[in-house]
């Protein structure tokens, strides 16, 4: 989802849950607000975890020069978790 949508849902949910006093027939705005706030918070956490896990690991590039002058490049990646 991304940080933007997560923050939007969290803010909208908190506004509905804490600040809106109106009523819609058949809809509990307070409960809907808390649900949206929870979904927004989960979206923020999942986005942070996903973006953090992409940067983990290391890449090692090894260049070998052969006797005929040609080179071989080998790249290996190790994941840390």
PDB file of N, CA and C in Angstrom:
ATOM      1  N   UNK A   1       0.816  -1.188   0.000  1.00  0.00           N
ATOM      2  CA  UNK A   1       0.000   0.000   0.000  1.00  0.00           C
ATOM      3  C   UNK A   1       0.863   1.257   0.000  1.00  0.00           C
ATOM      4  N   UNK A   2       1.736   1.384   0.923  1.00  0.00           N
ATOM      5  CA  UNK A   2       2.588   2.553   0.995  1.00  0.00           C
ATOM      6  C   UNK A   2       2.271   3.395   2.209  1.00  0.00           C
ATOM      7  N   UNK A   3       3.210   4.270   2.510  1.00  0.00           N
ATOM      8  CA  UNK A   3       3.043   5.128   3.683  1.00  0.00           C
ATOM      9  C   UNK A   3       1.870   6.091   3.532  1.00  0.00           C
ATOM     10  N   UNK A   4       1.657   6.597   2.345  1.00  0.00           N
ATOM     11  CA  UNK A   4       0.607   7.587   2.128  1.00  0.00           C
ATOM     12  C   UNK A   4      -0.784   7.047   2.405  1.00  0.00           C
ATOM     13  N   UNK A   5      -1.091   5.887   1.864  1.00  0.00           N
ATOM     14  CA  UNK A   5      -2.415   5.300   2.062  1.00  0.00           C
ATOM     15  C   UNK A   5      -2.595   4.883   3.517  1.00  0.00           C
ATOM     16  N   UNK A   6      -1.543   4.331   4.118  1.00  0.00           N
ATOM     17  CA  UNK A   6      -1.620   3.944   5.524  1.00  0.00           C
ATOM     18  C   UNK A   6      -1.881   5.136   6.425  1.00  0.00           C
ATOM     19  N   UNK A   7      -1.165   6.234   6.179  1.00  0.00           N
ATOM     20  CA  UNK A   7      -1.365   7.435   6.988  1.00  0.00           C
ATOM     21  C   UNK A   7      -2.755   8.030   6.752  1.00  0.00           C
ATOM     22  N   UNK A   8      -3.222   7.996   5.502  1.00  0.00           N
ATOM     23  CA  UNK A   8      -4.552   8.507   5.198  1.00  0.00           C
ATOM     24  C   UNK A   8      -5.630   7.705   5.927  1.00  0.00           C
ATOM     25  N   UNK A   9      -5.550   6.378   5.856  1.00  0.00           N
ATOM     26  CA  UNK A   9      -6.544   5.549   6.535  1.00  0.00           C
ATOM     27  C   UNK A   9      -6.500   5.735   8.043  1.00  0.00           C
ATOM     28  N   UNK A  10      -5.308   5.855   8.589  1.00  0.00           N
ATOM     29  CA  UNK A  10      -5.175   6.072  10.030  1.00  0.00           C
ATOM     30  C   UNK A  10      -5.802   7.400  10.436  1.00  0.00           C
ATOM     31  N   UNK A  11      -5.497   8.461   9.703  1.00  0.00           N
ATOM     32  CA  UNK A  11      -6.058   9.771  10.027  1.00  0.00           C
ATOM     33  C   UNK A  11      -7.574   9.796   9.855  1.00  0.00           C
ATOM     34  N   UNK A  12      -8.055   9.244   8.756  1.00  0.00           N
ATOM     35  CA  UNK A  12      -9.499   9.216   8.523  1.00  0.00           C
ATOM     36  C   UNK A  12     -10.212   8.416   9.609  1.00  0.00           C
ATOM     37  N   UNK A  13      -9.639   7.292   9.973  1.00  0.00           N
ATOM     38  CA  UNK A  13     -10.237   6.470  11.015  1.00  0.00           C
ATOM     39  C   UNK A  13     -10.283   7.163  12.354  1.00  0.00           C
ATOM     40  N   UNK A  14      -9.209   7.836  12.711  1.00  0.00           N
ATOM     41  CA  UNK A  14      -9.196   8.549  13.992  1.00  0.00           C
ATOM     42  C   UNK A  14     -10.171   9.726  13.998  1.00  0.00           C
ATOM     43  N   UNK A  15     -10.305  10.385  12.865  1.00  0.00           N
ATOM     44  CA  UNK A  15     -11.290  11.472  12.771  1.00  0.00           C
ATOM     45  C   UNK A  15     -12.697  10.925  12.952  1.00  0.00           C
ATOM     46  N   UNK A  16     -13.017   9.830  12.269  1.00  0.00           N
ATOM     47  CA  UNK A  16     -14.347   9.240  12.411  1.00  0.00           C
ATOM     48  C   UNK A  16     -14.590   8.734  13.834  1.00  0.00           C
ATOM     49  N   UNK A  17     -13.574   8.119  14.419  1.00  0.00           N
ATOM     50  CA  UNK A  17     -13.750   7.522  15.739  1.00  0.00           C
ATOM     51  C   UNK A  17     -13.828   8.562  16.851  1.00  0.00           C
ATOM     52  N   UNK A  18     -13.086   9.638  16.727  1.00  0.00           N
ATOM     53  CA  UNK A  18     -12.957  10.565  17.853  1.00  0.00           C
ATOM     54  C   UNK A  18     -13.626  11.921  17.656  1.00  0.00           C
ATOM     55  N   UNK A  19     -13.813  12.347  16.415  1.00  0.00           N
ATOM     56  CA  UNK A  19     -14.266  13.721  16.213  1.00  0.00           C
ATOM     57  C   UNK A  19     -15.654  13.857  15.607  1.00  0.00           C
ATOM     58  N   UNK A  20     -16.135  12.862  14.907  1.00  0.00           N
ATOM     59  CA  UNK A  20     -17.424  12.988  14.223  1.00  0.00           C
ATOM     60  C   UNK A  20     -18.544  12.618  15.196  1.00  0.00           C
ATOM     61  N   UNK A  21     -19.535  13.505  15.279  1.00  0.00           N
ATOM     62  CA  UNK A  21     -20.670  13.286  16.173  1.00  0.00           C
ATOM     63  C   UNK A  21     -21.947  12.950  15.407  1.00  0.00           C
ATOM     64  N   UNK A  22     -21.916  13.005  14.090  1.00  0.00           N
ATOM     65  CA  UNK A  22     -23.102  12.711  13.286  1.00  0.00           C
ATOM     66  C   UNK A  22     -23.402  11.213  13.303  1.00  0.00           C
ATOM     67  N   UNK A  23     -24.586  10.884  12.844  1.00  0.00           N
ATOM     68  CA  UNK A  23     -24.989   9.474  12.787  1.00  0.00           C
ATOM     69  C   UNK A  23     -25.540   9.168  11.406  1.00  0.00           C
ATOM     70  N   UNK A  24     -25.249   7.989  10.928  1.00  0.00           N
ATOM     71  CA  UNK A  24     -25.807   7.479   9.687  1.00  0.00           C
ATOM     72  C   UNK A  24     -26.611   6.251  10.052  1.00  0.00           C
ATOM     73  N   UNK A  25     -27.798   6.168   9.525  1.00  0.00           N
ATOM     74  CA  UNK A  25     -28.678   5.059   9.861  1.00  0.00           C
ATOM     75  C   UNK A  25     -28.049   3.724   9.485  1.00  0.00           C
ATOM     76  N   UNK A  26     -27.906   2.860  10.459  1.00  0.00           N
ATOM     77  CA  UNK A  26     -27.370   1.527  10.227  1.00  0.00           C
ATOM     78  C   UNK A  26     -25.855   1.441  10.219  1.00  0.00           C
ATOM     79  N   UNK A  27     -25.136   2.556  10.436  1.00  0.00           N
ATOM     80  CA  UNK A  27     -23.674   2.560  10.435  1.00  0.00           C
ATOM     81  C   UNK A  27     -23.174   3.189  11.727  1.00  0.00           C
ATOM     82  N   UNK A  28     -22.366   2.455  12.443  1.00  0.00           N
ATOM     83  CA  UNK A  28     -21.733   2.995  13.647  1.00  0.00           C
ATOM     84  C   UNK A  28     -20.411   3.633  13.220  1.00  0.00           C
ATOM     85  N   UNK A  29     -20.376   4.958  13.141  1.00  0.00           N
ATOM     86  CA  UNK A  29     -19.194   5.655  12.644  1.00  0.00           C
ATOM     87  C   UNK A  29     -17.989   5.477  13.561  1.00  0.00           C
ATOM     88  N   UNK A  30     -18.233   5.342  14.845  1.00  0.00           N
ATOM     89  CA  UNK A  30     -17.121   5.147  15.773  1.00  0.00           C
ATOM     90  C   UNK A  30     -16.426   3.813  15.501  1.00  0.00           C
ATOM     91  N   UNK A  31     -17.187   2.760  15.330  1.00  0.00           N
ATOM     92  CA  UNK A  31     -16.600   1.450  15.040  1.00  0.00           C
ATOM     93  C   UNK A  31     -15.924   1.451  13.677  1.00  0.00           C
ATOM     94  N   UNK A  32     -16.551   2.043  12.692  1.00  0.00           N
ATOM     95  CA  UNK A  32     -15.939   2.123  11.364  1.00  0.00           C
ATOM     96  C   UNK A  32     -14.625   2.908  11.425  1.00  0.00           C
ATOM     97  N   UNK A  33     -14.610   3.949  12.228  1.00  0.00           N
ATOM     98  CA  UNK A  33     -13.388   4.742  12.395  1.00  0.00           C
ATOM     99  C   UNK A  33     -12.263   3.948  13.022  1.00  0.00           C
ATOM    100  N   UNK A  34     -12.592   3.183  14.068  1.00  0.00           N
ATOM    101  CA  UNK A  34     -11.547   2.368  14.706  1.00  0.00           C
ATOM    102  C   UNK A  34     -11.033   1.284  13.761  1.00  0.00           C
ATOM    103  N   UNK A  35     -11.916   0.734  12.949  1.00  0.00           N
ATOM    104  CA  UNK A  35     -11.487  -0.283  11.975  1.00  0.00           C
ATOM    105  C   UNK A  35     -10.551   0.341  10.941  1.00  0.00           C
ATOM    106  N   UNK A  36     -10.913   1.511  10.425  1.00  0.00           N
ATOM    107  CA  UNK A  36     -10.039   2.190   9.456  1.00  0.00           C
ATOM    108  C   UNK A  36      -8.700   2.565  10.082  1.00  0.00           C
ATOM    109  N   UNK A  37      -8.726   3.012  11.331  1.00  0.00           N
ATOM    110  CA  UNK A  37      -7.478   3.366  12.011  1.00  0.00           C
ATOM    111  C   UNK A  37      -6.586   2.139  12.176  1.00  0.00           C
ATOM    112  N   UNK A  38      -7.184   1.005  12.523  1.00  0.00           N
ATOM    113  CA  UNK A  38      -6.400  -0.225  12.676  1.00  0.00           C
ATOM    114  C   UNK A  38      -5.807  -0.668  11.344  1.00  0.00           C
ATOM    115  N   UNK A  39      -6.606  -0.601  10.280  1.00  0.00           N
ATOM    116  CA  UNK A  39      -6.104  -0.978   8.950  1.00  0.00           C
ATOM    117  C   UNK A  39      -4.973  -0.043   8.527  1.00  0.00           C
ATOM    118  N   UNK A  40      -5.118   1.239   8.797  1.00  0.00           N
ATOM    119  CA  UNK A  40      -4.051   2.186   8.470  1.00  0.00           C
ATOM    120  C   UNK A  40      -2.777   1.920   9.237  1.00  0.00           C
ATOM    121  N   UNK A  41      -2.903   1.605  10.525  1.00  0.00           N
ATOM    122  CA  UNK A  41      -1.718   1.299  11.331  1.00  0.00           C
ATOM    123  C   UNK A  41      -1.034   0.028  10.830  1.00  0.00           C
ATOM    124  N   UNK A  42      -1.819  -0.978  10.495  1.00  0.00           N
ATOM    125  CA  UNK A  42      -1.252  -2.224   9.964  1.00  0.00           C
ATOM    126  C   UNK A  42      -0.558  -1.960   8.631  1.00  0.00           C
ATOM    127  N   UNK A  43      -1.158  -1.124   7.794  1.00  0.00           N
ATOM    128  CA  UNK A  43      -0.545  -0.796   6.501  1.00  0.00           C
ATOM    129  C   UNK A  43       0.793  -0.088   6.699  1.00  0.00           C
ATOM    130  N   UNK A  44       0.870   0.811   7.671  1.00  0.00           N
ATOM    131  CA  UNK A  44       2.129   1.501   7.950  1.00  0.00           C
ATOM    132  C   UNK A  44       3.202   0.525   8.416  1.00  0.00           C
ATOM    133  N   UNK A  45       2.840  -0.380   9.307  1.00  0.00           N
ATOM    134  CA  UNK A  45       3.803  -1.353   9.820  1.00  0.00           C
ATOM    135  C   UNK A  45       4.268  -2.288   8.711  1.00  0.00           C
ATOM    136  N   UNK A  46       3.327  -2.798   7.909  1.00  0.00           N
ATOM    137  CA  UNK A  46       3.700  -3.709   6.826  1.00  0.00           C
ATOM    138  C   UNK A  46       4.576  -3.021   5.781  1.00  0.00           C
ATOM    139  N   UNK A  47       4.297  -1.763   5.502  1.00  0.00           N
ATOM    140  CA  UNK A  47       5.126  -1.020   4.551  1.00  0.00           C
ATOM    141  C   UNK A  47       6.538  -0.859   5.096  1.00  0.00           C
ATOM    142  N   UNK A  48       6.657  -0.511   6.364  1.00  0.00           N
ATOM    143  CA  UNK A  48       7.980  -0.344   6.966  1.00  0.00           C
ATOM    144  C   UNK A  48       8.755  -1.654   6.960  1.00  0.00           C
ATOM    145  N   UNK A  49       8.102  -2.747   7.304  1.00  0.00           N
ATOM    146  CA  UNK A  49       8.771  -4.053   7.329  1.00  0.00           C
ATOM    147  C   UNK A  49       9.191  -4.469   5.921  1.00  0.00           C
ATOM    148  N   UNK A  50       8.310  -4.274   4.955  1.00  0.00           N
ATOM    149  CA  UNK A  50       8.610  -4.664   3.580  1.00  0.00           C
ATOM    150  C   UNK A  50       9.770  -3.854   3.013  1.00  0.00           C
ATOM    151  N   UNK A  51       9.753  -2.559   3.212  1.00  0.00           N
ATOM    152  CA  UNK A  51      10.823  -1.728   2.674  1.00  0.00           C
ATOM    153  C   UNK A  51      12.140  -1.984   3.396  1.00  0.00           C
ATOM    154  N   UNK A  52      12.081  -2.313   4.680  1.00  0.00           N
ATOM    155  CA  UNK A  52      13.301  -2.594   5.430  1.00  0.00           C
ATOM    156  C   UNK A  52      13.912  -3.922   5.004  1.00  0.00           C
ATOM    157  N   UNK A  53      13.093  -4.901   4.694  1.00  0.00           N
ATOM    158  CA  UNK A  53      13.628  -6.213   4.341  1.00  0.00           C
ATOM    159  C   UNK A  53      14.259  -6.232   2.953  1.00  0.00           C
ATOM    160  N   UNK A  54      13.898  -5.324   2.097  1.00  0.00           N
ATOM    161  CA  UNK A  54      14.500  -5.272   0.757  1.00  0.00           C
ATOM    162  C   UNK A  54      15.954  -4.869   0.805  1.00  0.00           C
ATOM    163  N   UNK A  55      16.321  -4.045   1.761  1.00  0.00           N
ATOM    164  CA  UNK A  55      17.691  -3.551   1.836  1.00  0.00           C
ATOM    165  C   UNK A  55      18.649  -4.502   2.529  1.00  0.00           C
ATOM    166  N   UNK A  56      18.143  -5.577   3.083  1.00  0.00           N
ATOM    167  CA  UNK A  56      19.006  -6.498   3.817  1.00  0.00           C
ATOM    168  C   UNK A  56      19.800  -7.376   2.860  1.00  0.00           C
ATOM    169  N   UNK A  57      20.884  -7.871   3.376  1.00  0.00           N
ATOM    170  CA  UNK A  57      21.730  -8.743   2.581  1.00  0.00           C
ATOM    171  C   UNK A  57      22.894  -7.959   2.004  1.00  0.00           C
ATOM    172  N   UNK A  58      23.814  -8.679   1.442  1.00  0.00           N
ATOM    173  CA  UNK A  58      24.965  -8.020   0.840  1.00  0.00           C
ATOM    174  C   UNK A  58      25.279  -8.678  -0.496  1.00  0.00           C
ATOM    175  N   UNK A  59      25.918  -7.919  -1.329  1.00  0.00           N
ATOM    176  CA  UNK A  59      26.334  -8.424  -2.637  1.00  0.00           C
ATOM    177  C   UNK A  59      27.854  -8.345  -2.704  1.00  0.00           C
ATOM    178  N   UNK A  60      28.425  -9.418  -3.191  1.00  0.00           N
ATOM    179  CA  UNK A  60      29.877  -9.476  -3.334  1.00  0.00           C
ATOM    180  C   UNK A  60      30.187  -9.706  -4.806  1.00  0.00           C
ATOM    181  N   UNK A  61      30.995  -8.820  -5.367  1.00  0.00           N
ATOM    182  CA  UNK A  61      31.385  -8.936  -6.766  1.00  0.00           C
ATOM    183  C   UNK A  61      32.861  -9.285  -6.821  1.00  0.00           C
ATOM    184  N   UNK A  62      33.157 -10.381  -7.495  1.00  0.00           N
ATOM    185  CA  UNK A  62      34.536 -10.860  -7.631  1.00  0.00           C
ATOM    186  C   UNK A  62      34.910 -10.854  -9.108  1.00  0.00           C
ATOM    187  N   UNK A  63      36.032 -10.227  -9.423  1.00  0.00           N
ATOM    188  CA  UNK A  63      36.521 -10.186 -10.799  1.00  0.00           C
ATOM    189  C   UNK A  63      37.793 -11.014 -10.888  1.00  0.00           C
ATOM    190  N   UNK A  64      37.792 -11.968 -11.789  1.00  0.00           N
ATOM    191  CA  UNK A  64      38.974 -12.810 -12.007  1.00  0.00           C
ATOM    192  C   UNK A  64      39.562 -12.491 -13.371  1.00  0.00           C
ATOM    193  N   UNK A  65      40.860 -12.265 -13.401  1.00  0.00           N
ATOM    194  CA  UNK A  65      41.549 -12.017 -14.665  1.00  0.00           C
ATOM    195  C   UNK A  65      42.313 -13.271 -15.044  1.00  0.00           C
ATOM    196  N   UNK A  66      42.049 -13.776 -16.244  1.00  0.00           N
ATOM    197  CA  UNK A  66      42.680 -15.005 -16.733  1.00  0.00           C
ATOM    198  C   UNK A  66      43.992 -14.688 -17.434  1.00  0.00           C
ATOM    199  N   UNK A  67      44.759 -15.727 -17.687  1.00  0.00           N
ATOM    200  CA  UNK A  67      46.081 -15.548 -18.309  1.00  0.00           C
ATOM    201  C   UNK A  67      45.990 -14.968 -19.721  1.00  0.00           C
ATOM    202  N   UNK A  68      44.872 -15.190 -20.418  1.00  0.00           N
ATOM    203  CA  UNK A  68      44.729 -14.644 -21.768  1.00  0.00           C
ATOM    204  C   UNK A  68      44.215 -13.205 -21.770  1.00  0.00           C
ATOM    205  N   UNK A  69      44.012 -12.618 -20.587  1.00  0.00           N
ATOM    206  CA  UNK A  69      43.574 -11.229 -20.486  1.00  0.00           C
ATOM    207  C   UNK A  69      42.074 -11.064 -20.326  1.00  0.00           C
ATOM    208  N   UNK A  70      41.325 -12.138 -20.497  1.00  0.00           N
ATOM    209  CA  UNK A  70      39.876 -12.016 -20.333  1.00  0.00           C
ATOM    210  C   UNK A  70      39.529 -11.984 -18.841  1.00  0.00           C
ATOM    211  N   UNK A  71      38.377 -11.435 -18.569  1.00  0.00           N
ATOM    212  CA  UNK A  71      37.936 -11.314 -17.187  1.00  0.00           C
ATOM    213  C   UNK A  71      36.592 -11.993 -16.999  1.00  0.00           C
ATOM    214  N   UNK A  72      36.412 -12.553 -15.815  1.00  0.00           N
ATOM    215  CA  UNK A  72      35.142 -13.147 -15.427  1.00  0.00           C
ATOM    216  C   UNK A  72      34.664 -12.437 -14.177  1.00  0.00           C
ATOM    217  N   UNK A  73      33.431 -11.944 -14.223  1.00  0.00           N
ATOM    218  CA  UNK A  73      32.844 -11.258 -13.073  1.00  0.00           C
ATOM    219  C   UNK A  73      31.791 -12.177 -12.470  1.00  0.00           C
ATOM    220  N   UNK A  74      31.901 -12.389 -11.176  1.00  0.00           N
ATOM    221  CA  UNK A  74      30.946 -13.242 -10.461  1.00  0.00           C
ATOM    222  C   UNK A  74      30.341 -12.434  -9.330  1.00  0.00           C
ATOM    223  N   UNK A  75      29.019 -12.412  -9.287  1.00  0.00           N
ATOM    224  CA  UNK A  75      28.333 -11.677  -8.236  1.00  0.00           C
ATOM    225  C   UNK A  75      27.506 -12.651  -7.406  1.00  0.00           C
ATOM    226  N   UNK A  76      27.702 -12.595  -6.093  1.00  0.00           N
ATOM    227  CA  UNK A  76      26.930 -13.447  -5.187  1.00  0.00           C
ATOM    228  C   UNK A  76      26.203 -12.548  -4.203  1.00  0.00           C
ATOM    229  N   UNK A  77      25.056 -13.040  -3.760  1.00  0.00           N
ATOM    230  CA  UNK A  77      24.246 -12.279  -2.818  1.00  0.00           C
ATOM    231  C   UNK A  77      23.954 -13.165  -1.618  1.00  0.00           C
ATOM    232  N   UNK A  78      24.124 -12.595  -0.447  1.00  0.00           N
ATOM    233  CA  UNK A  78      23.787 -13.335   0.767  1.00  0.00           C
ATOM    234  C   UNK A  78      22.674 -12.590   1.483  1.00  0.00           C
ATOM    235  N   UNK A  79      21.624 -13.307   1.849  1.00  0.00           N
ATOM    236  CA  UNK A  79      20.512 -12.717   2.581  1.00  0.00           C
ATOM    237  C   UNK A  79      20.755 -12.899   4.064  1.00  0.00           C
ATOM    238  N   UNK A  80      20.505 -11.837   4.806  1.00  0.00           N
ATOM    239  CA  UNK A  80      20.730 -11.866   6.250  1.00  0.00           C
ATOM    240  C   UNK A  80      19.435 -11.945   7.008  1.00  0.00           C
ATOM    241  N   UNK A  81      18.631 -12.875   6.737  1.00  0.00           N
ATOM    242  CA  UNK A  81      17.430 -12.968   7.544  1.00  0.00           C
ATOM    243  C   UNK A  81      16.258 -13.094   6.748  1.00  0.00           C
TER     244      UNK A  81
END
